Amino acid sequence: MLINTCEGLVEYDKEAKLQPLIAKSYEVSPDGKTYTFHLRGDVYFHDDKCFPGGKGRKVTASDFKYCYERVCDPRAKTRGLWVYRDKVEGAEEFAAAPDKVKGITGFIAQDDSTFIIKLVQPFAPFLSILTMPYGYVYPREAVEMYKEDFGFRIVGTGPYRFVKWDVDKELACARNENYWAKDKDGGALPKIDGFSVSFIRSPETEFLDFKEGRQDFQKPSIDVFGLITDDKGELKPEYNFELIKQPYLNTVYLGTMLNVKMEGGSANPLAENKKLRQAINYAIDREKICKFILKNKGTPGVNGPLPVGMPGYSQDVKGYSYDKQKAIELLKEAGYPEGKGLTLKLVYHNDESQRELCEALQAQLKEIGVNLQIEEMLGATHRSAQNEGKLGFWRANWGADYYDPENYYALFYSKNETPVGPNTSHYKNPKVDSLYELGLKLTDFSERMKVYNEIDKQVFEDSPWIIVYYNKYIYLKQKRVQGMYVDGLGIINLKYCEID
């Protein structure tokens, strides 16, 4: 719920278009290395006892410098060190020795209303990463007063302010009476007095509360979804609420370890056999999986790594579609005619829906003669095994960190191999590396997408991933609730919410 309590310099709106937020305007230098933000003069922190007299003060450029340096400070036990460390001038040096290096030279508070960021080299998606929570602003006073409890007593600038947070029980926020933004008619925001989030362990109890009107929003479990929908995945007519299905920036795929020096690649038939990976890609009937296994809760992954809803996604990008005959031919060319002598093991983490998916994949590959064994693994163990290169073939997914296609193409960059980066397949292709690096320098989005589409072609050819489907975000909402929305990252936005 940070998006409703905290804000940054810029944001993505409901249509996934980048908009100024606390920065009323900004400029990017011609070389793409200097970003200058001009702050609004009417943004104040929430009233809180960390301030003299409990009155929130005006936000200044120094606040952004403090917060961004804190993200880079390992003493703060940050999880966002990766965001700025290799991008902003002086961030690497500061992160390595925060006790010796005084601040980050690339974060400059020129005056109260002007904040400048200087990059080591151009990074085209930089504005996008500033929309993440690591780009939010909060006051030094709150950090110093609440110390270790700051995460449960956050003071921001957003439309709602924290009231209480009983861990595993309830989170409550109230209207920020001093909020700076207005609606399109000049009216005050937000429109509702506040909201609360209940943490109910039983999905059945949670749905019952929603059904009886005690909750306004709910994400249905697999069982609940099956109960309230028909064979097409649509809401049954006896229910008087809304079922909303929308794109979710999350791509589900089968990962393959290509590095034969890693444990997962040492005896892996897929590691050095491109035609085998291509054969499996053609053998999967994604349409059938989405219809019968996912109950229309996903979109067939036939258009490349970018999911539906991500800027740059295009149906004109053609990946792999079901072609049994082509799969059989490629399997023979790969050295396994009719699958003879081939056994593959697909590992997934313990979840009923993943098991059903993997069983469907097992059945589809059997149709071309491939013996696919499936193995369940605990979620935490599964994640660590991926990062340590211990798995050869596994069910995976990538959810976007921010609204930019670079966040997906970074997974095919050889310098991002795990455990340093997110390239879990250890995929290496000099042409892809060169194109990825070129894309980082192009600030014109359409030109950048031309480069990324060239990466698509190479990735389809090499098949380090076997893309299965793009996720959908599904939730239930009472009809009386208007104006709220969930963005492609799964973040609920109540800034414009109204209750009829």
Protein backbone atom coordinates (compact mmCIF):
# COMPACT_ATOMS: atom_id res chain seq x y z
CA MET A 1 0.00 0.00 0.00
CA LEU A 2 3.02 2.30 -0.17
CA ILE A 3 1.69 3.73 -3.43
CA ASN A 4 -1.20 5.24 -1.48
CA THR A 5 0.99 6.69 1.27
CA CYS A 6 4.29 7.56 -0.40
CA GLU A 7 5.24 9.24 -3.66
CA GLY A 8 8.26 9.95 -5.82
CA LEU A 9 9.37 12.33 -8.52
CA VAL A 10 7.36 10.68 -11.30
CA GLU A 11 4.68 8.00 -11.68
CA TYR A 12 2.89 5.85 -14.21
CA ASP A 13 -0.80 6.60 -14.61
CA LYS A 14 -3.64 4.15 -15.20
CA GLU A 15 -2.77 3.99 -18.92
CA ALA A 16 0.90 3.18 -18.06
CA LYS A 17 2.08 6.60 -19.25
CA LEU A 18 4.85 8.34 -17.34
CA GLN A 19 3.72 11.54 -15.60
CA PRO A 20 5.37 14.13 -13.33
CA LEU A 21 4.41 13.75 -9.66
CA ILE A 22 6.33 15.62 -6.95
CA ALA A 23 8.53 16.85 -9.79
CA LYS A 24 6.33 19.29 -11.69
CA SER A 25 8.74 19.02 -14.64
CA TYR A 26 12.10 17.53 -15.59
CA GLU A 27 14.75 17.62 -18.32
CA VAL A 28 17.21 15.02 -19.57
CA SER A 29 20.53 16.17 -21.01
CA PRO A 30 21.28 15.39 -24.67
CA ASP A 31 23.86 12.78 -23.64
CA GLY A 32 21.27 11.01 -21.45
CA LYS A 33 23.41 11.25 -18.32
CA THR A 34 21.95 14.18 -16.38
CA TYR A 35 18.37 14.39 -15.07
CA THR A 36 17.15 17.69 -13.63
CA PHE A 37 13.90 17.68 -11.63
CA HIS A 38 11.98 20.82 -10.65
CA LEU A 39 9.91 20.10 -7.54
CA ARG A 40 6.45 21.35 -6.75
CA GLY A 41 6.29 23.85 -3.94
CA ASP A 42 3.06 22.62 -2.37
CA VAL A 43 3.94 19.07 -1.28
CA TYR A 44 4.12 18.41 2.46
CA PHE A 45 4.87 15.35 4.52
CA HIS A 46 2.03 13.88 6.55
CA ASP A 47 1.44 15.41 9.95
CA ASP A 48 3.35 13.27 12.45
CA LYS A 49 4.88 13.54 15.88
CA CYS A 50 8.37 13.28 14.36
CA PHE A 51 7.98 16.96 13.40
CA PRO A 52 7.91 19.94 15.78
CA GLY A 53 4.33 20.44 16.85
CA GLY A 54 3.32 17.37 14.83
CA LYS A 55 2.96 19.45 11.66
CA GLY A 56 4.34 18.02 8.43
CA ARG A 57 6.91 20.18 6.65
CA LYS A 58 7.50 20.94 2.95
CA VAL A 59 9.37 18.41 0.82
CA THR A 60 12.69 19.66 -0.57
CA ALA A 61 15.38 18.34 -2.89
CA SER A 62 17.52 17.45 0.14
CA ASP A 63 14.87 14.91 1.16
CA PHE A 64 15.28 13.06 -2.12
CA LYS A 65 19.06 13.09 -1.77
CA TYR A 66 18.74 11.64 1.74
CA CYS A 67 16.31 8.89 0.71
CA TYR A 68 18.21 7.85 -2.40
CA GLU A 69 21.50 7.69 -0.52
CA ARG A 70 19.80 5.60 2.14
CA VAL A 71 18.74 3.12 -0.56
CA CYS A 72 22.44 2.76 -1.40
CA ASP A 73 23.59 2.46 2.21
CA PRO A 74 24.14 -1.18 3.29
CA ARG A 75 23.97 -0.04 6.92
CA ALA A 76 20.25 0.58 6.35
CA LYS A 77 19.86 -3.10 5.40
CA THR A 78 18.60 -1.98 2.02
CA ARG A 79 17.18 -4.35 -0.57
CA GLY A 80 17.47 -1.72 -3.28
CA LEU A 81 21.23 -1.44 -3.61
CA TRP A 82 20.96 -2.71 -7.20
CA VAL A 83 18.74 0.20 -8.25
CA TYR A 84 21.34 3.00 -8.22
CA ARG A 85 24.67 1.38 -7.39
CA ASP A 86 25.99 0.84 -10.92
CA LYS A 87 24.11 3.73 -12.49
CA VAL A 88 24.61 6.92 -10.45
CA GLU A 89 27.95 8.72 -10.13
CA GLY A 90 29.56 7.94 -6.79
CA ALA A 91 26.98 5.33 -5.73
CA GLU A 92 29.39 2.41 -6.12
CA GLU A 93 32.02 4.07 -3.96
CA PHE A 94 29.51 5.08 -1.31
CA ALA A 95 27.95 1.62 -1.11
CA ALA A 96 31.37 0.03 -0.71
CA ALA A 97 32.48 2.37 2.12
CA PRO A 98 29.59 4.41 3.56
CA ASP A 99 31.61 5.19 6.70
CA LYS A 100 34.37 6.83 4.68
CA VAL A 101 32.60 8.31 1.64
CA LYS A 102 30.51 11.37 2.40
CA GLY A 103 27.39 11.09 0.30
CA ILE A 104 26.85 10.27 -3.36
CA THR A 105 28.16 12.87 -5.80
CA GLY A 106 25.56 12.01 -8.44
CA PHE A 107 22.64 13.04 -6.19
CA ILE A 108 22.65 16.84 -6.07
CA ALA A 109 20.23 19.07 -4.15
CA GLN A 110 21.01 22.27 -6.05
CA ASP A 111 18.44 24.19 -4.03
CA ASP A 112 15.19 23.35 -2.26
CA SER A 113 13.26 22.92 -5.50
CA THR A 114 15.92 21.50 -7.85
CA PHE A 115 17.18 17.93 -7.64
CA ILE A 116 19.79 16.67 -10.11
CA ILE A 117 20.88 13.09 -10.78
CA LYS A 118 24.03 12.35 -12.74
CA LEU A 119 24.55 8.91 -14.24
CA VAL A 120 27.80 7.12 -14.99
CA GLN A 121 26.48 6.29 -18.46
CA PRO A 122 23.11 6.58 -20.21
CA PHE A 123 20.38 4.28 -18.88
CA ALA A 124 17.21 4.83 -20.92
CA PRO A 125 14.77 3.26 -18.39
CA PHE A 126 16.04 5.45 -15.53
CA LEU A 127 12.79 7.41 -15.12
CA SER A 128 10.94 4.10 -14.89
CA ILE A 129 13.02 2.86 -11.96
CA LEU A 130 12.26 6.11 -10.11
CA THR A 131 8.59 5.04 -9.96
CA MET A 132 9.47 2.07 -7.73
CA PRO A 133 9.29 2.34 -3.91
CA TYR A 134 13.06 2.90 -3.99
CA GLY A 135 12.27 6.26 -5.59
CA TYR A 136 9.82 7.40 -2.89
CA VAL A 137 10.54 10.24 -0.49
CA TYR A 138 10.13 10.32 3.29
CA PRO A 139 11.57 12.56 6.05
CA ARG A 140 14.84 11.99 7.88
CA GLU A 141 13.02 12.94 11.09
CA ALA A 142 10.78 9.84 10.87
CA VAL A 143 13.71 7.49 10.31
CA GLU A 144 15.61 8.95 13.25
CA MET A 145 12.59 8.84 15.58
CA TYR A 146 11.20 5.40 14.75
CA LYS A 147 14.51 3.67 13.88
CA GLU A 148 13.89 -0.08 13.42
CA ASP A 149 10.12 0.50 13.52
CA PHE A 150 10.19 2.98 10.63
CA GLY A 151 8.87 0.35 8.23
CA PHE A 152 5.70 0.17 10.32
CA ARG A 153 5.42 3.93 10.89
CA ILE A 154 6.05 5.29 7.40
CA VAL A 155 5.55 9.01 6.88
CA GLY A 156 5.03 10.01 3.25
CA THR A 157 3.28 12.59 1.08
CA GLY A 158 0.55 10.46 -0.50
CA PRO A 159 -3.25 10.73 -0.42
CA TYR A 160 -3.43 8.49 2.68
CA ARG A 161 -1.43 8.42 5.89
CA PHE A 162 -0.71 5.49 8.17
CA VAL A 163 -2.91 5.09 11.24
CA LYS A 164 -1.93 1.66 12.51
CA TRP A 165 -0.37 -1.57 11.38
CA ASP A 166 -0.99 -4.66 13.48
CA VAL A 167 1.20 -7.22 11.76
CA ASP A 168 -0.79 -10.18 10.36
CA LYS A 169 -4.02 -8.55 11.53
CA GLU A 170 -4.85 -5.15 10.07
CA LEU A 171 -3.35 -2.17 8.27
CA ALA A 172 -5.34 1.06 8.52
CA CYS A 173 -4.81 4.36 6.68
CA ALA A 174 -6.76 7.63 6.81
CA ARG A 175 -7.28 10.46 4.37
CA ASN A 176 -4.44 12.96 4.13
CA GLU A 177 -6.39 16.18 4.67
CA ASN A 178 -3.47 18.23 3.35
CA TYR A 179 -2.94 16.32 0.13
CA TRP A 180 -1.72 18.52 -2.70
CA ALA A 181 -3.28 16.88 -5.80
CA LYS A 182 -6.73 17.62 -7.22
CA ASP A 183 -9.07 15.68 -9.47
CA LYS A 184 -9.74 16.75 -13.07
CA ASP A 185 -12.46 19.15 -11.88
CA GLY A 186 -10.27 20.77 -9.26
CA GLY A 187 -11.83 18.85 -6.38
CA ALA A 188 -9.89 17.67 -3.36
CA LEU A 189 -8.35 14.22 -3.29
CA PRO A 190 -8.78 11.61 -1.95
CA LYS A 191 -12.55 11.18 -1.88
CA ILE A 192 -12.88 8.55 0.83
CA ASP A 193 -12.05 8.81 4.54
CA GLY A 194 -9.56 5.96 4.46
CA PHE A 195 -9.19 2.23 4.08
CA SER A 196 -8.15 -0.85 5.99
CA VAL A 197 -6.57 -4.11 4.93
CA SER A 198 -7.44 -7.28 6.84
CA PHE A 199 -5.00 -10.19 6.91
CA ILE A 200 -7.22 -13.27 6.96
CA ARG A 201 -5.46 -16.60 6.69
CA SER A 202 -8.46 -18.55 5.41
CA PRO A 203 -9.40 -17.83 1.75
CA GLU A 204 -12.87 -19.21 2.40
CA THR A 205 -13.45 -16.88 5.36
CA GLU A 206 -12.08 -13.95 3.36
CA PHE A 207 -14.44 -14.66 0.46
CA LEU A 208 -17.41 -15.05 2.81
CA ASP A 209 -16.67 -11.64 4.31
CA PHE A 210 -16.48 -10.18 0.82
CA LYS A 211 -19.66 -11.90 -0.34
CA GLU A 212 -21.57 -10.51 2.65
CA GLY A 213 -20.30 -6.99 1.99
CA ARG A 214 -17.81 -6.69 4.84
CA GLN A 215 -14.97 -6.24 2.35
CA ASP A 216 -14.84 -4.20 -0.86
CA PHE A 217 -11.96 -5.98 -2.59
CA GLN A 218 -10.67 -9.54 -2.68
CA LYS A 219 -8.30 -11.71 -4.67
CA PRO A 220 -10.04 -15.08 -5.05
CA SER A 221 -8.19 -18.32 -4.39
CA ILE A 222 -8.14 -21.05 -7.03
CA ASP A 223 -10.99 -22.85 -5.28
CA VAL A 224 -13.08 -19.70 -4.93
CA PHE A 225 -12.49 -18.78 -8.56
CA GLY A 226 -13.67 -22.22 -9.64
CA LEU A 227 -16.78 -21.86 -7.49
CA ILE A 228 -17.93 -18.48 -8.80
CA THR A 229 -17.09 -18.84 -12.50
CA ASP A 230 -18.45 -20.87 -15.41
CA ASP A 231 -16.52 -23.02 -17.89
CA LYS A 232 -15.35 -19.88 -19.72
CA GLY A 233 -13.99 -18.31 -16.55
CA GLU A 234 -16.77 -15.71 -16.41
CA LEU A 235 -18.67 -14.74 -13.26
CA LYS A 236 -21.85 -16.72 -12.72
CA PRO A 237 -25.01 -14.56 -12.88
CA GLU A 238 -26.09 -15.24 -9.29
CA TYR A 239 -23.24 -13.13 -7.88
CA ASN A 240 -23.82 -9.39 -7.47
CA PHE A 241 -20.28 -8.12 -7.58
CA GLU A 242 -17.62 -7.56 -10.24
CA LEU A 243 -14.97 -10.00 -11.42
CA ILE A 244 -12.10 -8.14 -13.09
CA LYS A 245 -9.39 -9.78 -15.17
CA GLN A 246 -6.58 -7.61 -16.49
CA PRO A 247 -3.00 -7.93 -17.72
CA TYR A 248 -0.36 -8.54 -15.06
CA LEU A 249 3.27 -7.87 -15.94
CA ASN A 250 4.36 -11.41 -15.27
CA THR A 251 5.63 -13.96 -17.80
CA VAL A 252 5.56 -17.68 -16.97
CA TYR A 253 8.19 -19.76 -18.73
CA LEU A 254 10.33 -22.87 -18.48
CA GLY A 255 13.93 -22.02 -17.69
CA THR A 256 16.84 -24.03 -19.07
CA MET A 257 20.40 -24.00 -17.70
CA LEU A 258 22.74 -23.54 -20.67
CA ASN A 259 26.05 -23.39 -18.80
CA VAL A 260 27.52 -26.90 -18.74
CA LYS A 261 29.92 -25.82 -15.97
CA MET A 262 27.01 -25.34 -13.58
CA GLU A 263 25.42 -28.23 -11.71
CA GLY A 264 22.15 -27.84 -13.60
CA GLY A 265 23.88 -27.87 -16.97
CA SER A 266 26.54 -30.55 -16.54
CA ALA A 267 24.36 -33.49 -17.60
CA ASN A 268 21.50 -31.52 -19.10
CA PRO A 269 20.38 -32.62 -22.62
CA LEU A 270 18.95 -29.11 -23.16
CA ALA A 271 22.14 -27.21 -22.38
CA GLU A 272 23.87 -27.46 -25.76
CA ASN A 273 21.02 -28.62 -27.98
CA LYS A 274 19.17 -25.68 -29.48
CA LYS A 275 16.98 -27.83 -31.71
CA LEU A 276 15.79 -29.80 -28.69
CA ARG A 277 14.73 -26.58 -26.97
CA GLN A 278 12.98 -25.47 -30.15
CA ALA A 279 11.19 -28.82 -30.41
CA ILE A 280 9.79 -28.44 -26.91
CA ASN A 281 8.69 -24.90 -27.74
CA TYR A 282 6.66 -26.17 -30.71
CA ALA A 283 5.24 -29.13 -28.73
CA ILE A 284 3.40 -26.96 -26.20
CA ASP A 285 -0.23 -26.09 -26.91
CA ARG A 286 -0.46 -22.80 -25.03
CA GLU A 287 -4.03 -22.11 -26.11
CA LYS A 288 -5.19 -25.37 -24.56
CA ILE A 289 -3.26 -24.74 -21.35
CA CYS A 290 -4.78 -21.29 -20.93
CA LYS A 291 -8.29 -22.53 -21.61
CA PHE A 292 -8.41 -25.79 -19.66
CA ILE A 293 -5.68 -25.56 -17.02
CA LEU A 294 -5.73 -21.84 -16.25
CA LYS A 295 -9.47 -21.40 -16.84
CA ASN A 296 -8.69 -18.32 -18.95
CA LYS A 297 -6.59 -16.76 -16.18
CA GLY A 298 -3.65 -16.37 -18.55
CA THR A 299 -2.83 -15.33 -22.13
CA PRO A 300 -0.88 -17.72 -24.41
CA GLY A 301 2.80 -16.73 -24.43
CA VAL A 302 3.31 -16.58 -28.19
CA ASN A 303 4.62 -13.01 -28.55
CA GLY A 304 7.99 -13.06 -26.85
CA PRO A 305 9.20 -12.35 -23.32
CA LEU A 306 7.26 -9.10 -22.86
CA PRO A 307 3.86 -9.74 -21.20
CA VAL A 308 0.58 -8.18 -22.26
CA GLY A 309 0.34 -4.68 -20.76
CA MET A 310 4.06 -3.93 -20.80
CA PRO A 311 4.94 -0.90 -22.94
CA GLY A 312 6.43 -2.31 -26.12
CA TYR A 313 4.40 -5.53 -26.11
CA SER A 314 3.14 -6.29 -29.61
CA GLN A 315 1.10 -9.07 -31.15
CA ASP A 316 3.16 -8.53 -34.29
CA VAL A 317 6.09 -10.17 -32.50
CA LYS A 318 5.74 -13.84 -33.36
CA GLY A 319 7.29 -16.44 -31.10
CA TYR A 320 6.37 -20.13 -30.85
CA SER A 321 2.91 -21.55 -31.45
CA TYR A 322 1.79 -25.17 -31.27
CA ASP A 323 3.06 -27.23 -34.23
CA LYS A 324 3.27 -30.94 -33.40
CA GLN A 325 4.76 -31.96 -36.74
CA LYS A 326 7.46 -29.31 -36.53
CA ALA A 327 8.25 -30.46 -32.99
CA ILE A 328 8.62 -34.07 -34.14
CA GLU A 329 10.94 -33.04 -36.99
CA LEU A 330 13.14 -30.92 -34.72
CA LEU A 331 13.26 -33.68 -32.11
CA LYS A 332 14.68 -36.00 -34.78
CA GLU A 333 17.20 -33.37 -35.90
CA ALA A 334 18.19 -32.91 -32.26
CA GLY A 335 19.24 -36.56 -32.12
CA TYR A 336 16.19 -37.98 -30.34
CA PRO A 337 13.84 -39.44 -33.00
CA GLU A 338 10.43 -40.05 -31.39
CA GLY A 339 12.04 -39.12 -28.08
CA LYS A 340 14.12 -42.29 -27.88
CA GLY A 341 16.87 -42.11 -25.28
CA LEU A 342 15.62 -38.82 -23.88
CA THR A 343 14.38 -38.15 -20.35
CA LEU A 344 13.91 -34.65 -19.00
CA LYS A 345 13.13 -33.53 -15.45
CA LEU A 346 11.07 -30.38 -14.86
CA VAL A 347 11.18 -28.92 -11.34
CA TYR A 348 8.44 -26.68 -9.92
CA HIS A 349 7.79 -25.24 -6.50
CA ASN A 350 5.02 -26.62 -4.35
CA ASP A 351 1.79 -25.06 -5.55
CA GLU A 352 -1.31 -26.85 -6.80
CA SER A 353 -1.72 -24.68 -9.88
CA GLN A 354 1.92 -25.25 -10.85
CA ARG A 355 1.53 -28.98 -10.44
CA GLU A 356 -1.48 -28.96 -12.77
CA LEU A 357 0.46 -26.92 -15.32
CA CYS A 358 3.45 -29.26 -15.19
CA GLU A 359 1.23 -32.33 -15.53
CA ALA A 360 -0.31 -30.76 -18.65
CA LEU A 361 3.16 -30.09 -20.07
CA GLN A 362 4.13 -33.66 -19.26
CA ALA A 363 1.14 -34.96 -21.24
CA GLN A 364 1.78 -32.67 -24.21
CA LEU A 365 5.44 -33.64 -24.50
CA LYS A 366 4.49 -37.32 -24.28
CA GLU A 367 2.56 -36.81 -27.53
CA ILE A 368 5.87 -36.30 -29.36
CA GLY A 369 7.58 -39.12 -27.45
CA VAL A 370 9.39 -37.07 -24.80
CA ASN A 371 9.50 -38.59 -21.32
CA LEU A 372 9.15 -35.64 -18.94
CA GLN A 373 9.50 -36.29 -15.24
CA ILE A 374 8.18 -33.61 -12.88
CA GLU A 375 9.46 -32.90 -9.40
CA GLU A 376 8.02 -30.69 -6.66
CA MET A 377 10.31 -28.52 -4.54
CA LEU A 378 9.66 -26.12 -1.66
CA GLY A 379 9.38 -22.54 -2.85
CA ALA A 380 12.41 -21.13 -0.99
CA THR A 381 14.55 -24.11 -2.00
CA HIS A 382 13.39 -23.75 -5.61
CA ARG A 383 14.38 -20.06 -5.73
CA SER A 384 17.80 -20.61 -4.21
CA ALA A 385 18.45 -23.59 -6.51
CA GLN A 386 17.70 -21.38 -9.54
CA ASN A 387 20.10 -18.69 -8.36
CA GLU A 388 22.82 -21.21 -7.57
CA GLY A 389 22.56 -22.88 -10.98
CA LYS A 390 21.54 -26.24 -9.57
CA LEU A 391 18.46 -26.75 -11.77
CA GLY A 392 18.56 -27.89 -15.38
CA PHE A 393 14.90 -27.37 -16.35
CA TRP A 394 12.38 -25.58 -14.20
CA ARG A 395 9.10 -23.73 -14.13
CA ALA A 396 9.82 -20.03 -13.67
CA ASN A 397 8.22 -16.62 -13.91
CA TRP A 398 9.42 -13.05 -14.07
CA GLY A 399 7.32 -10.22 -12.68
CA ALA A 400 8.32 -6.73 -13.75
CA ASP A 401 9.97 -4.42 -11.24
CA TYR A 402 9.01 -1.37 -13.29
CA TYR A 403 7.19 -0.39 -16.48
CA ASP A 404 9.96 -0.76 -19.00
CA PRO A 405 10.80 -3.62 -21.39
CA GLU A 406 14.47 -3.39 -20.41
CA ASN A 407 13.47 -5.12 -17.17
CA TYR A 408 12.83 -8.28 -19.23
CA TYR A 409 15.67 -8.06 -21.74
CA ALA A 410 18.12 -7.70 -18.84
CA LEU A 411 17.48 -11.41 -18.19
CA PHE A 412 19.24 -12.28 -21.46
CA TYR A 413 22.32 -10.13 -20.85
CA SER A 414 25.37 -12.28 -20.16
CA LYS A 415 26.79 -9.90 -17.53
CA ASN A 416 23.62 -10.46 -15.49
CA GLU A 417 24.23 -14.15 -14.86
CA THR A 418 23.12 -15.34 -11.43
CA PRO A 419 24.00 -14.86 -8.66
CA VAL A 420 25.08 -11.33 -9.75
CA GLY A 421 21.95 -10.68 -11.82
CA PRO A 422 18.67 -12.26 -12.97
CA ASN A 423 19.98 -14.27 -15.94
CA THR A 424 19.24 -17.67 -14.38
CA SER A 425 19.77 -19.57 -17.66
CA HIS A 426 23.32 -18.22 -18.05
CA TYR A 427 22.38 -17.38 -21.62
CA LYS A 428 25.24 -15.84 -23.63
CA ASN A 429 25.02 -14.31 -27.06
CA PRO A 430 27.40 -11.49 -28.10
CA LYS A 431 24.83 -10.06 -30.53
CA VAL A 432 22.19 -9.89 -27.80
CA ASP A 433 24.67 -8.28 -25.41
CA SER A 434 25.54 -5.64 -28.00
CA LEU A 435 21.89 -4.89 -28.74
CA TYR A 436 21.00 -4.70 -25.06
CA GLU A 437 23.81 -2.21 -24.43
CA LEU A 438 22.69 -0.14 -27.42
CA GLY A 439 19.15 -0.06 -26.08
CA LEU A 440 20.32 1.48 -22.82
CA LYS A 441 21.53 4.54 -24.73
CA LEU A 442 18.39 5.18 -26.79
CA THR A 443 15.96 7.61 -25.16
CA ASP A 444 13.52 7.41 -28.09
CA PHE A 445 11.22 4.55 -27.07
CA SER A 446 10.23 3.51 -30.60
CA GLU A 447 13.90 3.29 -31.62
CA ARG A 448 14.67 1.28 -28.51
CA MET A 449 11.87 -1.18 -29.30
CA LYS A 450 13.36 -1.79 -32.75
CA VAL A 451 16.53 -2.90 -30.97
CA TYR A 452 14.60 -5.08 -28.52
CA ASN A 453 12.68 -6.69 -31.37
CA GLU A 454 16.03 -7.75 -32.82
CA ILE A 455 16.77 -9.37 -29.45
CA ASP A 456 13.42 -11.15 -29.71
CA LYS A 457 14.44 -12.76 -32.98
CA GLN A 458 17.70 -14.05 -31.53
CA VAL A 459 16.05 -15.27 -28.32
CA PHE A 460 13.42 -17.15 -30.34
CA GLU A 461 16.20 -18.80 -32.32
CA ASP A 462 18.28 -19.76 -29.28
CA SER A 463 15.30 -20.61 -27.03
CA PRO A 464 16.89 -20.15 -23.60
CA TRP A 465 13.30 -19.79 -22.37
CA ILE A 466 10.21 -21.77 -23.27
CA ILE A 467 7.53 -19.15 -22.73
CA VAL A 468 4.19 -20.64 -21.70
CA TYR A 469 1.81 -17.79 -20.82
CA TYR A 470 1.38 -14.24 -19.57
CA ASN A 471 -0.35 -13.91 -16.24
CA LYS A 472 -3.56 -12.03 -15.55
CA TYR A 473 -4.40 -10.17 -12.35
CA ILE A 474 -7.84 -11.26 -11.15
CA TYR A 475 -9.82 -9.66 -8.36
CA LEU A 476 -13.33 -9.18 -7.04
CA LYS A 477 -14.78 -5.73 -6.34
CA GLN A 478 -18.06 -4.51 -4.91
CA LYS A 479 -20.07 -2.53 -7.45
CA ARG A 480 -20.31 0.45 -5.10
CA VAL A 481 -16.55 1.02 -5.35
CA GLN A 482 -15.56 3.27 -8.24
CA GLY A 483 -12.32 4.92 -9.38
CA MET A 484 -9.90 2.43 -7.87
CA TYR A 485 -7.63 0.38 -10.07
CA VAL A 486 -4.83 -2.18 -9.91
CA ASP A 487 -1.82 -1.46 -12.09
CA GLY A 488 0.17 -3.98 -14.08
CA LEU A 489 2.55 -4.52 -11.16
CA GLY A 490 -0.36 -5.62 -8.95
CA ILE A 491 -0.39 -2.41 -6.88
CA ILE A 492 -3.80 -1.17 -5.74
CA ASN A 493 -4.31 2.57 -6.32
CA LEU A 494 -7.01 4.27 -4.24
CA LYS A 495 -6.10 7.87 -5.05
CA TYR A 496 -9.25 8.39 -7.11
CA CYS A 497 -11.48 5.92 -5.29
CA GLU A 498 -15.10 6.79 -4.52
CA ILE A 499 -17.89 4.86 -2.79
CA ASP A 500 -21.37 5.21 -4.30
